[in-house]
Amino acid sequence: MLPVPTPHIIFFLQQNRLRWYWHVLRKDDVDWVKKCMEYEVQGPRPSGEVVREDCQACKMNKEDAMDRCKWRKMIKDVR
């Protein structure tokens, strides 16, 4: 049985997911990494659902990602 993650670990994972998402959003539209966000994956959960939930919990959106200072501050304040 796997141990239950502590709030500190959850915070760390959420922060890193959001940091990666910000990085990908700022890439050119022709970049292969950004194109992967549009790829449809079969499975029980829709693609990107966890990141969407993280963004909603932190009240962030794609427009916030274009303002580097604001996005970094918001990620640091995630809790």
PDB file of N, CA and C in Angstrom:
ATOM      1  N   MET A   1       0.840  -1.176   0.000  1.00  0.00           N
ATOM      2  CA  MET A   1       0.000   0.000   0.000  1.00  0.00           C
ATOM      3  C   MET A   1       0.891   1.247   0.000  1.00  0.00           C
ATOM      4  N   LEU A   2       0.544   2.211  -0.848  1.00  0.00           N
ATOM      5  CA  LEU A   2       1.312   3.451  -0.932  1.00  0.00           C
ATOM      6  C   LEU A   2       0.934   4.384   0.210  1.00  0.00           C
ATOM      7  N   PRO A   3       1.908   5.137   0.731  1.00  0.00           N
ATOM      8  CA  PRO A   3       1.596   6.086   1.804  1.00  0.00           C
ATOM      9  C   PRO A   3       0.776   7.267   1.270  1.00  0.00           C
ATOM     10  N   VAL A   4      -0.038   7.844   2.120  1.00  0.00           N
ATOM     11  CA  VAL A   4      -0.845   9.011   1.751  1.00  0.00           C
ATOM     12  C   VAL A   4       0.080  10.226   1.695  1.00  0.00           C
ATOM     13  N   PRO A   5       0.026  10.994   0.585  1.00  0.00           N
ATOM     14  CA  PRO A   5       0.914  12.156   0.478  1.00  0.00           C
ATOM     15  C   PRO A   5       0.584  13.224   1.532  1.00  0.00           C
ATOM     16  N   THR A   6       1.603  13.828   2.063  1.00  0.00           N
ATOM     17  CA  THR A   6       1.407  14.899   3.042  1.00  0.00           C
ATOM     18  C   THR A   6       1.067  16.193   2.311  1.00  0.00           C
ATOM     19  N   PRO A   7       0.473  17.171   3.007  1.00  0.00           N
ATOM     20  CA  PRO A   7       0.164  18.454   2.359  1.00  0.00           C
ATOM     21  C   PRO A   7       1.396  19.114   1.741  1.00  0.00           C
ATOM     22  N   HIS A   8       2.567  18.923   2.361  1.00  0.00           N
ATOM     23  CA  HIS A   8       3.797  19.516   1.821  1.00  0.00           C
ATOM     24  C   HIS A   8       4.120  18.919   0.438  1.00  0.00           C
ATOM     25  N   ILE A   9       3.971  17.625   0.296  1.00  0.00           N
ATOM     26  CA  ILE A   9       4.244  16.960  -0.984  1.00  0.00           C
ATOM     27  C   ILE A   9       3.223  17.389  -2.026  1.00  0.00           C
ATOM     28  N   ILE A  10       1.969  17.470  -1.631  1.00  0.00           N
ATOM     29  CA  ILE A  10       0.918  17.903  -2.561  1.00  0.00           C
ATOM     30  C   ILE A  10       1.209  19.316  -3.051  1.00  0.00           C
ATOM     31  N   PHE A  11       1.584  20.208  -2.141  1.00  0.00           N
ATOM     32  CA  PHE A  11       1.940  21.582  -2.499  1.00  0.00           C
ATOM     33  C   PHE A  11       3.099  21.601  -3.482  1.00  0.00           C
ATOM     34  N   PHE A  12       4.130  20.818  -3.214  1.00  0.00           N
ATOM     35  CA  PHE A  12       5.305  20.749  -4.078  1.00  0.00           C
ATOM     36  C   PHE A  12       4.931  20.272  -5.480  1.00  0.00           C
ATOM     37  N   LEU A  13       4.121  19.220  -5.581  1.00  0.00           N
ATOM     38  CA  LEU A  13       3.705  18.688  -6.880  1.00  0.00           C
ATOM     39  C   LEU A  13       2.857  19.696  -7.643  1.00  0.00           C
ATOM     40  N   GLN A  14       1.933  20.337  -6.940  1.00  0.00           N
ATOM     41  CA  GLN A  14       1.062  21.325  -7.579  1.00  0.00           C
ATOM     42  C   GLN A  14       1.887  22.494  -8.112  1.00  0.00           C
ATOM     43  N   GLN A  15       2.822  22.957  -7.330  1.00  0.00           N
ATOM     44  CA  GLN A  15       3.675  24.069  -7.732  1.00  0.00           C
ATOM     45  C   GLN A  15       4.481  23.713  -8.981  1.00  0.00           C
ATOM     46  N   ASN A  16       5.024  22.509  -9.025  1.00  0.00           N
ATOM     47  CA  ASN A  16       5.814  22.092 -10.182  1.00  0.00           C
ATOM     48  C   ASN A  16       4.956  21.882 -11.419  1.00  0.00           C
ATOM     49  N   ARG A  17       3.743  21.357 -11.271  1.00  0.00           N
ATOM     50  CA  ARG A  17       2.839  21.221 -12.421  1.00  0.00           C
ATOM     51  C   ARG A  17       2.522  22.586 -13.007  1.00  0.00           C
ATOM     52  N   LEU A  18       2.226  23.543 -12.150  1.00  0.00           N
ATOM     53  CA  LEU A  18       1.892  24.885 -12.624  1.00  0.00           C
ATOM     54  C   LEU A  18       3.092  25.567 -13.268  1.00  0.00           C
ATOM     55  N   ARG A  19       4.267  25.349 -12.719  1.00  0.00           N
ATOM     56  CA  ARG A  19       5.481  25.930 -13.312  1.00  0.00           C
ATOM     57  C   ARG A  19       5.694  25.372 -14.721  1.00  0.00           C
ATOM     58  N   TRP A  20       5.518  24.069 -14.907  1.00  0.00           N
ATOM     59  CA  TRP A  20       5.680  23.444 -16.217  1.00  0.00           C
ATOM     60  C   TRP A  20       4.614  23.947 -17.185  1.00  0.00           C
ATOM     61  N   TYR A  21       3.378  24.049 -16.713  1.00  0.00           N
ATOM     62  CA  TYR A  21       2.273  24.531 -17.546  1.00  0.00           C
ATOM     63  C   TYR A  21       2.566  25.941 -18.043  1.00  0.00           C
ATOM     64  N   TRP A  22       3.046  26.798 -17.147  1.00  0.00           N
ATOM     65  CA  TRP A  22       3.401  28.167 -17.526  1.00  0.00           C
ATOM     66  C   TRP A  22       4.479  28.152 -18.606  1.00  0.00           C
ATOM     67  N   HIS A  23       5.464  27.305 -18.423  1.00  0.00           N
ATOM     68  CA  HIS A  23       6.567  27.196 -19.375  1.00  0.00           C
ATOM     69  C   HIS A  23       6.049  26.796 -20.765  1.00  0.00           C
ATOM     70  N   VAL A  24       5.162  25.821 -20.818  1.00  0.00           N
ATOM     71  CA  VAL A  24       4.633  25.338 -22.096  1.00  0.00           C
ATOM     72  C   VAL A  24       3.728  26.381 -22.740  1.00  0.00           C
ATOM     73  N   LEU A  25       2.899  27.065 -21.967  1.00  0.00           N
ATOM     74  CA  LEU A  25       2.003  28.084 -22.524  1.00  0.00           C
ATOM     75  C   LEU A  25       2.768  29.202 -23.218  1.00  0.00           C
ATOM     76  N   ARG A  26       3.935  29.526 -22.731  1.00  0.00           N
ATOM     77  CA  ARG A  26       4.706  30.626 -23.301  1.00  0.00           C
ATOM     78  C   ARG A  26       5.485  30.232 -24.559  1.00  0.00           C
ATOM     79  N   LYS A  27       5.524  28.956 -24.890  1.00  0.00           N
ATOM     80  CA  LYS A  27       6.232  28.493 -26.084  1.00  0.00           C
ATOM     81  C   LYS A  27       5.487  28.910 -27.351  1.00  0.00           C
ATOM     82  N   ASP A  28       6.202  28.887 -28.481  1.00  0.00           N
ATOM     83  CA  ASP A  28       5.578  29.173 -29.771  1.00  0.00           C
ATOM     84  C   ASP A  28       4.533  28.115 -30.085  1.00  0.00           C
ATOM     85  N   ASP A  29       3.508  28.508 -30.836  1.00  0.00           N
ATOM     86  CA  ASP A  29       2.433  27.577 -31.186  1.00  0.00           C
ATOM     87  C   ASP A  29       2.917  26.402 -32.033  1.00  0.00           C
ATOM     88  N   VAL A  30       4.035  26.559 -32.735  1.00  0.00           N
ATOM     89  CA  VAL A  30       4.544  25.488 -33.588  1.00  0.00           C
ATOM     90  C   VAL A  30       5.471  24.530 -32.840  1.00  0.00           C
ATOM     91  N   ASP A  31       5.785  24.834 -31.592  1.00  0.00           N
ATOM     92  CA  ASP A  31       6.666  23.986 -30.797  1.00  0.00           C
ATOM     93  C   ASP A  31       5.995  22.642 -30.522  1.00  0.00           C
ATOM     94  N   TRP A  32       6.743  21.548 -30.634  1.00  0.00           N
ATOM     95  CA  TRP A  32       6.168  20.208 -30.489  1.00  0.00           C
ATOM     96  C   TRP A  32       5.622  19.962 -29.082  1.00  0.00           C
ATOM     97  N   VAL A  33       6.256  20.576 -28.066  1.00  0.00           N
ATOM     98  CA  VAL A  33       5.786  20.390 -26.690  1.00  0.00           C
ATOM     99  C   VAL A  33       4.404  21.015 -26.524  1.00  0.00           C
ATOM    100  N   LYS A  34       4.214  22.207 -27.076  1.00  0.00           N
ATOM    101  CA  LYS A  34       2.922  22.872 -26.974  1.00  0.00           C
ATOM    102  C   LYS A  34       1.862  22.120 -27.767  1.00  0.00           C
ATOM    103  N   LYS A  35       2.253  21.574 -28.910  1.00  0.00           N
ATOM    104  CA  LYS A  35       1.299  20.796 -29.711  1.00  0.00           C
ATOM    105  C   LYS A  35       0.831  19.548 -28.968  1.00  0.00           C
ATOM    106  N   CYS A  36       1.672  19.013 -28.095  1.00  0.00           N
ATOM    107  CA  CYS A  36       1.288  17.831 -27.314  1.00  0.00           C
ATOM    108  C   CYS A  36       0.125  18.123 -26.374  1.00  0.00           C
ATOM    109  N   MET A  37      -0.062  19.381 -25.988  1.00  0.00           N
ATOM    110  CA  MET A  37      -1.187  19.741 -25.129  1.00  0.00           C
ATOM    111  C   MET A  37      -2.520  19.527 -25.842  1.00  0.00           C
ATOM    112  N   GLU A  38      -2.503  19.571 -27.171  1.00  0.00           N
ATOM    113  CA  GLU A  38      -3.726  19.402 -27.951  1.00  0.00           C
ATOM    114  C   GLU A  38      -4.011  17.935 -28.279  1.00  0.00           C
ATOM    115  N   TYR A  39      -3.072  17.071 -27.996  1.00  0.00           N
ATOM    116  CA  TYR A  39      -3.203  15.653 -28.323  1.00  0.00           C
ATOM    117  C   TYR A  39      -4.268  14.997 -27.445  1.00  0.00           C
ATOM    118  N   GLU A  40      -5.183  14.246 -28.075  1.00  0.00           N
ATOM    119  CA  GLU A  40      -6.240  13.551 -27.349  1.00  0.00           C
ATOM    120  C   GLU A  40      -5.728  12.212 -26.837  1.00  0.00           C
ATOM    121  N   VAL A  41      -5.829  11.998 -25.539  1.00  0.00           N
ATOM    122  CA  VAL A  41      -5.367  10.767 -24.912  1.00  0.00           C
ATOM    123  C   VAL A  41      -6.580   9.994 -24.410  1.00  0.00           C
ATOM    124  N   GLN A  42      -6.590   8.691 -24.681  1.00  0.00           N
ATOM    125  CA  GLN A  42      -7.685   7.850 -24.208  1.00  0.00           C
ATOM    126  C   GLN A  42      -7.407   7.441 -22.766  1.00  0.00           C
ATOM    127  N   GLY A  43      -8.435   7.452 -21.951  1.00  0.00           N
ATOM    128  CA  GLY A  43      -8.271   7.032 -20.567  1.00  0.00           C
ATOM    129  C   GLY A  43      -9.415   7.523 -19.710  1.00  0.00           C
ATOM    130  N   PRO A  44      -9.369   7.191 -18.421  1.00  0.00           N
ATOM    131  CA  PRO A  44     -10.474   7.538 -17.538  1.00  0.00           C
ATOM    132  C   PRO A  44     -10.585   9.031 -17.227  1.00  0.00           C
ATOM    133  N   ARG A  45      -9.486   9.779 -17.333  1.00  0.00           N
ATOM    134  CA  ARG A  45      -9.515  11.212 -17.047  1.00  0.00           C
ATOM    135  C   ARG A  45      -9.152  11.995 -18.295  1.00  0.00           C
ATOM    136  N   PRO A  46      -9.843  13.086 -18.542  1.00  0.00           N
ATOM    137  CA  PRO A  46      -9.487  13.926 -19.693  1.00  0.00           C
ATOM    138  C   PRO A  46      -8.072  14.488 -19.533  1.00  0.00           C
ATOM    139  N   SER A  47      -7.401  14.685 -20.636  1.00  0.00           N
ATOM    140  CA  SER A  47      -6.046  15.222 -20.636  1.00  0.00           C
ATOM    141  C   SER A  47      -6.021  16.618 -20.016  1.00  0.00           C
ATOM    142  N   GLY A  48      -5.098  16.863 -19.115  1.00  0.00           N
ATOM    143  CA  GLY A  48      -4.925  18.176 -18.517  1.00  0.00           C
ATOM    144  C   GLY A  48      -5.866  18.486 -17.370  1.00  0.00           C
ATOM    145  N   GLU A  49      -6.647  17.516 -16.934  1.00  0.00           N
ATOM    146  CA  GLU A  49      -7.631  17.770 -15.880  1.00  0.00           C
ATOM    147  C   GLU A  49      -6.977  18.211 -14.570  1.00  0.00           C
ATOM    148  N   VAL A  50      -5.873  17.595 -14.204  1.00  0.00           N
ATOM    149  CA  VAL A  50      -5.208  17.931 -12.936  1.00  0.00           C
ATOM    150  C   VAL A  50      -4.700  19.366 -12.971  1.00  0.00           C
ATOM    151  N   VAL A  51      -4.118  19.785 -14.080  1.00  0.00           N
ATOM    152  CA  VAL A  51      -3.610  21.157 -14.192  1.00  0.00           C
ATOM    153  C   VAL A  51      -4.768  22.150 -14.158  1.00  0.00           C
ATOM    154  N   ARG A  52      -5.877  21.814 -14.829  1.00  0.00           N
ATOM    155  CA  ARG A  52      -7.052  22.694 -14.782  1.00  0.00           C
ATOM    156  C   ARG A  52      -7.546  22.848 -13.344  1.00  0.00           C
ATOM    157  N   GLU A  53      -7.578  21.757 -12.611  1.00  0.00           N
ATOM    158  CA  GLU A  53      -8.001  21.815 -11.210  1.00  0.00           C
ATOM    159  C   GLU A  53      -7.037  22.663 -10.382  1.00  0.00           C
ATOM    160  N   ASP A  54      -5.734  22.522 -10.639  1.00  0.00           N
ATOM    161  CA  ASP A  54      -4.735  23.329  -9.934  1.00  0.00           C
ATOM    162  C   ASP A  54      -4.953  24.812 -10.225  1.00  0.00           C
ATOM    163  N   CYS A  55      -5.184  25.138 -11.486  1.00  0.00           N
ATOM    164  CA  CYS A  55      -5.392  26.536 -11.881  1.00  0.00           C
ATOM    165  C   CYS A  55      -6.661  27.099 -11.247  1.00  0.00           C
ATOM    166  N   GLN A  56      -7.724  26.314 -11.235  1.00  0.00           N
ATOM    167  CA  GLN A  56      -8.973  26.773 -10.618  1.00  0.00           C
ATOM    168  C   GLN A  56      -8.792  26.990  -9.120  1.00  0.00           C
ATOM    169  N   ALA A  57      -8.095  26.092  -8.465  1.00  0.00           N
ATOM    170  CA  ALA A  57      -7.873  26.208  -7.026  1.00  0.00           C
ATOM    171  C   ALA A  57      -7.068  27.463  -6.689  1.00  0.00           C
ATOM    172  N   CYS A  58      -6.185  27.857  -7.596  1.00  0.00           N
ATOM    173  CA  CYS A  58      -5.325  29.022  -7.364  1.00  0.00           C
ATOM    174  C   CYS A  58      -5.864  30.279  -8.032  1.00  0.00           C
ATOM    175  N   LYS A  59      -7.018  30.151  -8.690  1.00  0.00           N
ATOM    176  CA  LYS A  59      -7.639  31.274  -9.402  1.00  0.00           C
ATOM    177  C   LYS A  59      -6.697  31.854 -10.453  1.00  0.00           C
ATOM    178  N   MET A  60      -6.076  30.958 -11.241  1.00  0.00           N
ATOM    179  CA  MET A  60      -5.171  31.347 -12.321  1.00  0.00           C
ATOM    180  C   MET A  60      -5.823  31.025 -13.657  1.00  0.00           C
ATOM    181  N   ASN A  61      -5.401  31.721 -14.706  1.00  0.00           N
ATOM    182  CA  ASN A  61      -5.871  31.415 -16.047  1.00  0.00           C
ATOM    183  C   ASN A  61      -4.729  31.589 -17.044  1.00  0.00           C
ATOM    184  N   LYS A  62      -4.986  31.279 -18.308  1.00  0.00           N
ATOM    185  CA  LYS A  62      -3.929  31.342 -19.329  1.00  0.00           C
ATOM    186  C   LYS A  62      -3.375  32.747 -19.496  1.00  0.00           C
ATOM    187  N   GLU A  63      -4.221  33.757 -19.355  1.00  0.00           N
ATOM    188  CA  GLU A  63      -3.764  35.134 -19.510  1.00  0.00           C
ATOM    189  C   GLU A  63      -2.744  35.495 -18.423  1.00  0.00           C
ATOM    190  N   ASP A  64      -2.929  34.939 -17.222  1.00  0.00           N
ATOM    191  CA  ASP A  64      -1.969  35.186 -16.143  1.00  0.00           C
ATOM    192  C   ASP A  64      -0.588  34.647 -16.500  1.00  0.00           C
ATOM    193  N   ALA A  65      -0.538  33.584 -17.273  1.00  0.00           N
ATOM    194  CA  ALA A  65       0.738  32.962 -17.635  1.00  0.00           C
ATOM    195  C   ALA A  65       1.587  33.872 -18.517  1.00  0.00           C
ATOM    196  N   MET A  66       0.961  34.778 -19.243  1.00  0.00           N
ATOM    197  CA  MET A  66       1.713  35.661 -20.122  1.00  0.00           C
ATOM    198  C   MET A  66       2.416  36.778 -19.351  1.00  0.00           C
ATOM    199  N   ASP A  67       2.002  37.024 -18.126  1.00  0.00           N
ATOM    200  CA  ASP A  67       2.655  38.010 -17.261  1.00  0.00           C
ATOM    201  C   ASP A  67       3.578  37.239 -16.318  1.00  0.00           C
ATOM    202  N   ARG A  68       4.838  37.179 -16.676  1.00  0.00           N
ATOM    203  CA  ARG A  68       5.811  36.344 -15.963  1.00  0.00           C
ATOM    204  C   ARG A  68       5.876  36.648 -14.460  1.00  0.00           C
ATOM    205  N   CYS A  69       5.951  37.906 -14.092  1.00  0.00           N
ATOM    206  CA  CYS A  69       6.063  38.274 -12.674  1.00  0.00           C
ATOM    207  C   CYS A  69       4.818  37.851 -11.901  1.00  0.00           C
ATOM    208  N   LYS A  70       3.656  38.103 -12.479  1.00  0.00           N
ATOM    209  CA  LYS A  70       2.398  37.747 -11.814  1.00  0.00           C
ATOM    210  C   LYS A  70       2.290  36.235 -11.637  1.00  0.00           C
ATOM    211  N   TRP A  71       2.623  35.484 -12.683  1.00  0.00           N
ATOM    212  CA  TRP A  71       2.521  34.021 -12.632  1.00  0.00           C
ATOM    213  C   TRP A  71       3.461  33.446 -11.570  1.00  0.00           C
ATOM    214  N   ARG A  72       4.690  33.931 -11.542  1.00  0.00           N
ATOM    215  CA  ARG A  72       5.646  33.426 -10.550  1.00  0.00           C
ATOM    216  C   ARG A  72       5.180  33.711  -9.128  1.00  0.00           C
ATOM    217  N   LYS A  73       4.650  34.913  -8.926  1.00  0.00           N
ATOM    218  CA  LYS A  73       4.139  35.262  -7.591  1.00  0.00           C
ATOM    219  C   LYS A  73       2.969  34.354  -7.226  1.00  0.00           C
ATOM    220  N   MET A  74       2.089  34.097  -8.180  1.00  0.00           N
ATOM    221  CA  MET A  74       0.917  33.260  -7.907  1.00  0.00           C
ATOM    222  C   MET A  74       1.347  31.829  -7.577  1.00  0.00           C
ATOM    223  N   ILE A  75       2.350  31.316  -8.293  1.00  0.00           N
ATOM    224  CA  ILE A  75       2.828  29.961  -8.028  1.00  0.00           C
ATOM    225  C   ILE A  75       3.458  29.883  -6.638  1.00  0.00           C
ATOM    226  N   LYS A  76       4.229  30.886  -6.263  1.00  0.00           N
ATOM    227  CA  LYS A  76       4.848  30.881  -4.934  1.00  0.00           C
ATOM    228  C   LYS A  76       3.796  30.941  -3.833  1.00  0.00           C
ATOM    229  N   ASP A  77       2.670  31.583  -4.119  1.00  0.00           N
ATOM    230  CA  ASP A  77       1.606  31.743  -3.115  1.00  0.00           C
ATOM    231  C   ASP A  77       0.650  30.561  -3.074  1.00  0.00           C
ATOM    232  N   VAL A  78       0.868  29.539  -3.920  1.00  0.00           N
ATOM    233  CA  VAL A  78      -0.015  28.372  -3.943  1.00  0.00           C
ATOM    234  C   VAL A  78       0.058  27.671  -2.602  1.00  0.00           C
ATOM    235  N   ARG A  79      -1.083  27.422  -2.019  1.00  0.00           N
ATOM    236  CA  ARG A  79      -1.173  26.656  -0.751  1.00  0.00           C
ATOM    237  C   ARG A  79      -2.546  26.145  -0.577  1.00  0.00           C
TER     238      ARG A  79
END
